[in-house]
Protein backbone atom coordinates (compact mmCIF):
# COMPACT_ATOMS: atom_id res chain seq x y z
CA MET A 1 31.31 -73.46 -153.66
CA SER A 2 32.97 -76.48 -155.05
CA GLU A 3 36.88 -78.12 -153.70
CA LEU A 4 36.85 -77.38 -157.62
CA HIS A 5 36.69 -73.76 -158.14
CA GLN A 6 38.22 -73.56 -154.73
CA ILE A 7 41.72 -74.81 -156.59
CA GLU A 8 41.28 -72.81 -159.76
CA GLY A 9 40.65 -69.73 -157.71
CA ALA A 10 43.75 -70.50 -155.48
CA LEU A 11 45.61 -71.11 -158.98
CA THR A 12 44.76 -68.44 -161.15
CA SER A 13 44.98 -65.60 -157.34
CA ASP A 14 48.53 -66.98 -156.81
CA LEU A 15 49.62 -67.75 -160.47
CA ALA A 16 48.90 -63.69 -161.04
CA THR A 17 50.38 -62.91 -157.76
CA ILE A 18 53.68 -64.05 -159.12
CA GLN A 19 52.84 -62.55 -162.75
CA ILE A 20 52.06 -58.86 -161.73
CA HIS A 21 55.55 -58.95 -159.19
CA TRP A 22 58.00 -60.75 -161.74
CA ASP A 23 59.69 -58.13 -162.25
CA ALA A 24 59.43 -55.99 -159.51
CA LEU A 25 61.19 -59.14 -157.53
CA LEU A 26 64.51 -58.15 -159.54
CA ALA A 27 64.08 -54.19 -157.84
CA ALA A 28 63.09 -56.09 -154.36
CA ALA A 29 66.93 -57.92 -154.83
CA THR A 30 68.66 -54.79 -155.69
CA PRO A 31 67.16 -51.62 -153.52
CA SER A 32 68.51 -48.42 -154.11
CA GLY A 33 71.35 -47.44 -152.82
CA VAL A 34 72.55 -50.87 -152.56
CA THR A 35 75.65 -51.97 -154.91
CA ILE A 36 76.01 -55.32 -155.99
CA GLY A 37 79.98 -56.37 -155.78
CA GLY A 38 82.84 -56.76 -153.87
CA GLY A 39 83.90 -60.53 -153.55
CA SER A 40 82.70 -63.71 -153.78
CA ARG A 41 78.67 -63.80 -152.56
CA GLY A 42 79.35 -67.28 -151.44
CA SER A 43 81.52 -65.86 -148.71
CA LEU A 44 78.70 -64.76 -147.14
CA ILE A 45 77.00 -67.94 -146.35
CA THR A 46 78.06 -69.17 -143.76
CA ALA A 47 75.67 -71.77 -142.49
CA ASP A 48 76.63 -75.57 -143.44
CA ASP A 49 75.26 -77.09 -147.20
CA HIS A 50 71.76 -78.79 -145.76
CA ALA A 51 71.47 -76.10 -143.10
CA GLU A 52 67.09 -75.67 -143.69
CA THR A 53 67.87 -71.98 -143.19
CA ASP A 54 69.03 -69.20 -145.43
CA ALA A 55 69.07 -66.43 -142.99
CA ASP A 56 72.67 -66.09 -143.48
CA VAL A 57 72.23 -66.03 -147.58
CA ASP A 58 72.06 -62.57 -148.96
CA ARG A 59 68.86 -60.73 -150.34
CA VAL A 60 69.98 -60.81 -154.26
CA THR A 61 71.09 -64.96 -154.08
CA ARG A 62 67.91 -65.84 -152.46
CA ILE A 63 65.78 -63.51 -154.88
CA VAL A 64 67.73 -64.75 -158.12
CA SER A 65 67.23 -68.66 -156.56
CA LEU A 66 63.52 -68.08 -156.09
CA ARG A 67 63.42 -66.39 -159.63
CA ARG A 68 64.83 -70.11 -161.03
CA LEU A 69 62.68 -72.23 -158.64
CA ILE A 70 59.77 -70.63 -159.55
CA THR A 71 61.03 -70.28 -163.66
CA ASP A 72 61.71 -74.79 -163.21
CA VAL A 73 58.32 -75.29 -161.13
CA LEU A 74 55.92 -73.03 -163.94
CA ASN A 75 57.35 -75.05 -166.54
CA GLY A 76 56.95 -77.96 -165.01
CA TRP A 77 53.17 -77.14 -164.63
CA SER A 78 52.80 -75.94 -167.90
CA ARG A 79 54.02 -79.33 -169.03
CA VAL A 80 51.73 -81.38 -167.62
CA VAL A 81 48.99 -79.02 -169.14
CA MET A 82 50.72 -79.58 -172.53
CA GLU A 83 50.70 -83.51 -172.25
CA ASP A 84 47.53 -84.31 -170.41
CA ARG A 85 45.46 -81.84 -172.57
CA PRO A 86 45.59 -81.37 -175.69
CA VAL A 87 45.88 -77.83 -176.36
CA GLU A 88 45.96 -75.56 -179.28
CA VAL A 89 48.34 -72.99 -178.50
CA GLU A 90 52.21 -73.66 -177.99
CA LEU A 91 53.31 -73.70 -174.70
CA PRO A 92 54.84 -70.39 -173.69
CA ASN A 93 59.03 -70.37 -173.47
CA GLY A 94 60.24 -72.09 -170.65
CA SER A 95 61.71 -69.01 -169.26
CA ASP A 96 59.25 -66.61 -169.94
CA VAL A 97 57.01 -66.83 -165.96
CA PRO A 98 54.66 -64.40 -167.08
CA GLY A 99 53.60 -66.16 -170.04
CA MET A 100 53.76 -69.73 -168.63
CA CYS A 101 51.72 -67.59 -165.52
CA ALA A 102 49.18 -66.84 -168.13
CA PHE A 103 48.67 -70.23 -169.77
CA LEU A 104 48.63 -71.75 -166.73
CA ILE A 105 45.70 -69.24 -165.60
CA ARG A 106 44.28 -70.06 -168.88
CA HIS A 107 43.93 -73.52 -167.87
CA ALA A 108 43.18 -73.30 -164.69
CA GLN A 109 39.39 -74.53 -164.55
CA TRP A 110 40.51 -77.41 -166.43
CA PHE A 111 43.60 -78.46 -164.13
CA ALA A 112 41.69 -77.71 -160.90
CA GLY A 113 40.24 -81.26 -162.15
CA HIS A 114 43.61 -83.22 -162.56
CA GLU A 115 45.27 -85.53 -160.25
CA ALA A 116 47.88 -83.05 -159.34
CA ALA A 117 46.40 -80.35 -158.87
CA GLU A 118 46.03 -79.80 -154.91
CA ASP A 119 49.79 -80.57 -154.73
CA ALA A 120 50.45 -77.86 -158.34
CA ALA A 121 48.29 -75.49 -155.98
CA GLU A 122 50.03 -75.59 -152.86
CA GLU A 123 53.75 -75.14 -154.61
CA VAL A 124 52.17 -72.25 -156.52
CA ARG A 125 50.43 -71.17 -153.62
CA ARG A 126 53.79 -70.78 -151.05
CA LEU A 127 55.70 -69.61 -154.14
CA ALA A 128 53.68 -66.77 -154.33
CA GLY A 129 53.90 -66.04 -150.94
CA LYS A 130 57.29 -65.88 -151.25
CA VAL A 131 57.09 -63.28 -154.09
CA SER A 132 54.79 -61.35 -151.77
CA GLY A 133 56.84 -61.12 -149.20
CA ALA A 134 60.01 -60.21 -151.36
CA VAL A 135 58.17 -57.22 -153.18
CA ASN A 136 56.72 -55.79 -150.20
CA PRO A 137 58.27 -57.25 -146.67
CA GLN A 138 56.31 -56.72 -143.16
CA ARG A 139 58.97 -54.19 -141.43
CA LYS A 140 58.94 -55.99 -137.50
CA ASP A 141 58.58 -53.18 -135.58
CA TRP A 142 59.74 -55.46 -132.39
CA ILE A 143 63.50 -56.74 -131.24
CA SER A 144 64.16 -59.63 -129.08
CA LEU A 145 66.12 -58.96 -125.58
CA GLY A 146 66.26 -62.93 -124.80
CA ALA A 147 64.43 -65.07 -122.32
CA CYS A 148 62.16 -64.02 -119.20
CA PRO A 149 64.90 -64.93 -116.06
CA LEU A 150 61.97 -63.90 -113.45
CA ASP A 151 60.45 -66.29 -111.32
CA VAL A 152 57.20 -66.79 -111.51
CA ASP A 153 55.04 -69.00 -109.05
CA SER A 154 53.75 -72.74 -109.90
CA GLU A 155 51.93 -75.37 -108.65
CA VAL A 156 55.54 -76.67 -107.75
CA GLY A 157 56.90 -73.17 -106.56
CA PRO A 158 58.62 -70.58 -108.09
CA VAL A 159 60.09 -71.56 -111.10
CA LYS A 160 61.83 -69.70 -114.07
CA CYS A 161 59.48 -67.01 -116.67
CA GLY A 162 61.73 -68.24 -119.36
CA GLY A 163 58.96 -66.18 -121.82
CA GLN A 164 60.46 -63.91 -124.61
CA VAL A 165 61.15 -60.18 -123.80
CA ARG A 166 60.69 -57.76 -126.46
CA VAL A 167 61.25 -54.54 -127.10
CA ARG A 168 59.30 -51.70 -129.46
CA PRO A 169 61.28 -49.05 -130.21
CA SER A 170 59.87 -45.73 -128.12
CA ARG A 171 58.22 -43.70 -131.35
CA ASP A 172 58.14 -40.33 -129.20
CA GLY A 173 61.70 -40.23 -128.20
CA GLY A 174 61.33 -41.94 -124.55
CA ALA A 175 63.18 -44.67 -123.14
CA ALA A 176 62.22 -48.09 -124.83
CA GLU A 177 60.29 -50.39 -122.73
CA GLY A 178 61.02 -54.07 -122.98
CA ARG A 179 57.18 -56.45 -121.98
CA CYS A 180 57.66 -60.58 -121.45
CA ARG A 181 55.19 -62.00 -123.08
CA LYS A 182 54.31 -65.02 -120.85
CA CYS A 183 54.82 -63.25 -117.55
CA GLY A 184 53.60 -59.33 -118.69
CA VAL A 185 56.40 -57.57 -116.93
CA VAL A 186 57.03 -54.15 -118.83
CA ALA A 187 60.32 -52.65 -118.16
CA VAL A 188 63.17 -50.07 -119.39
CA VAL A 189 65.32 -52.17 -121.57
CA GLU A 190 68.72 -51.66 -119.25
CA TRP A 191 66.84 -52.70 -116.51
CA TRP A 192 65.25 -55.92 -118.41
CA GLU A 193 69.52 -56.17 -119.79
CA ARG A 194 70.86 -56.09 -116.04
CA VAL A 195 68.60 -59.09 -115.18
CA ILE A 196 68.99 -60.91 -118.16
CA MET A 197 72.65 -60.72 -118.66
CA PRO A 198 75.15 -62.05 -116.04
CA GLU A 199 77.29 -58.89 -115.17
CA ALA A 200 80.42 -60.45 -116.15
CA SER A 201 79.19 -61.02 -119.31
CA ARG A 202 77.49 -57.47 -120.40
CA LEU A 203 80.74 -55.84 -121.33
CA ILE A 204 82.07 -56.17 -124.54
CA THR A 205 84.46 -54.56 -127.04
CA ALA A 206 83.26 -52.36 -130.46
CA ALA A 207 85.16 -55.55 -132.78
CA GLU A 208 82.38 -57.75 -131.30
CA VAL A 209 79.09 -55.65 -131.09
CA PRO A 210 78.35 -56.74 -134.86
CA GLU A 211 78.67 -60.54 -133.96
CA PHE A 212 76.60 -59.52 -130.82
CA ILE A 213 73.88 -57.65 -132.85
CA ARG A 214 73.61 -61.02 -135.39
CA GLN A 215 73.30 -63.25 -132.35
CA GLN A 216 70.71 -61.33 -130.84
CA PHE A 217 68.66 -59.58 -133.06
CA GLY A 218 69.01 -61.43 -136.01
CA LYS A 219 70.67 -58.11 -137.61
CA LYS A 220 73.79 -57.31 -140.16
CA ILE A 221 75.25 -54.16 -138.75
CA ALA A 222 78.81 -53.31 -140.42
CA ALA A 223 81.70 -52.23 -138.04
CA PRO A 224 81.71 -49.04 -139.95
CA THR A 225 78.49 -48.40 -138.37
CA VAL A 226 79.66 -49.31 -134.82
CA ARG A 227 82.25 -47.06 -134.97
CA LYS A 228 79.88 -44.07 -136.13
CA TRP A 229 77.74 -45.10 -132.78
CA ILE A 230 80.81 -44.49 -130.86
CA GLU A 231 82.17 -40.94 -132.39
CA ARG A 232 78.66 -39.47 -132.08
CA HIS A 233 78.34 -41.10 -128.46
CA VAL A 234 74.90 -43.50 -129.24
CA ILE A 235 76.94 -46.05 -127.74
CA THR A 236 79.53 -44.36 -124.57
CA ALA A 237 82.70 -46.65 -123.18
CA ALA A 238 81.59 -48.63 -120.25
CA GLY A 239 85.38 -49.89 -119.11
CA SER A 240 88.17 -51.46 -119.83
CA ASP A 241 89.39 -55.07 -119.91
CA GLU A 242 93.08 -56.60 -118.81
CA LYS A 243 94.24 -56.00 -122.21
CA GLY A 244 93.55 -52.23 -122.18
CA ARG A 245 90.66 -52.08 -124.69
CA THR A 246 87.37 -50.53 -124.54
CA LEU A 247 84.35 -51.99 -123.53
CA TYR A 248 80.53 -51.62 -124.48
CA ASP A 249 77.58 -52.52 -122.61
CA LYS A 250 75.43 -54.96 -124.21
CA GLY A 251 71.92 -53.20 -122.98
CA ALA A 252 73.39 -50.10 -124.72
CA VAL A 253 74.31 -51.77 -128.13
CA ALA A 254 70.28 -53.44 -127.53
CA TYR A 255 69.01 -49.87 -127.07
CA ALA A 256 70.84 -48.42 -130.20
CA ILE A 257 69.13 -51.12 -131.80
CA ALA A 258 65.92 -50.14 -130.96
CA ARG A 259 66.14 -46.70 -131.91
CA ARG A 260 67.67 -47.66 -135.32
CA GLU A 261 64.69 -49.25 -135.27
CA ALA A 262 62.62 -46.72 -134.69
CA VAL A 263 63.76 -43.75 -137.24
CA GLY A 264 63.67 -46.44 -139.68
CA ALA A 265 67.88 -46.23 -140.58
């Protein structure tokens, strides 16, 4: 297959992906049971303005921004076709993404030979990937507990392993186990928590649980959910501090997250 045919095929396939899932993006932005509202969405953004990550941006904002980006990009490439090739069919409305997809698909064979074809194909490929990821997100079936602190042999003697310890929720109700991806050691979550975290830093207050989960697992857990865990004895008191505040074990919190993942909560 020639390079031009490959570019044409890639453009056609990725444009079709955007076209087919365009309306579904709106449903993906507001899944069932989610209400949009509750103050400024900008207040949820905590990263610096120029940070490369968008992990702190809420889902609705990300998808609205993605739809705007797709609209602008396809409008730009549609105009390139219109200006560089005499076209008999009028350029679709610049806000009509499905229409622009159809227009570009119709001219994909010609566009494949354009000097900007590779740039266009790569840009459209990335956008199509974002669309597919938003509409059909892949559920991660593991969580990270941190770096493995165990000593392993090396040419210069024992060194810290440093591998990532991952835990996959148990599907049969048993204790969840973590495995180090580097040294291969397997153990229950509670044991890993004991060796990964110094005893002095293992206990946290209920108010600190959401931030601990966000930092360690990249997940957002609301304070009311933590209160429910406490009421239902999902996590139990492990002591108190000098101020009399009840403390909870980080290992128990990690296990609670593992069980939450197992049931798809």
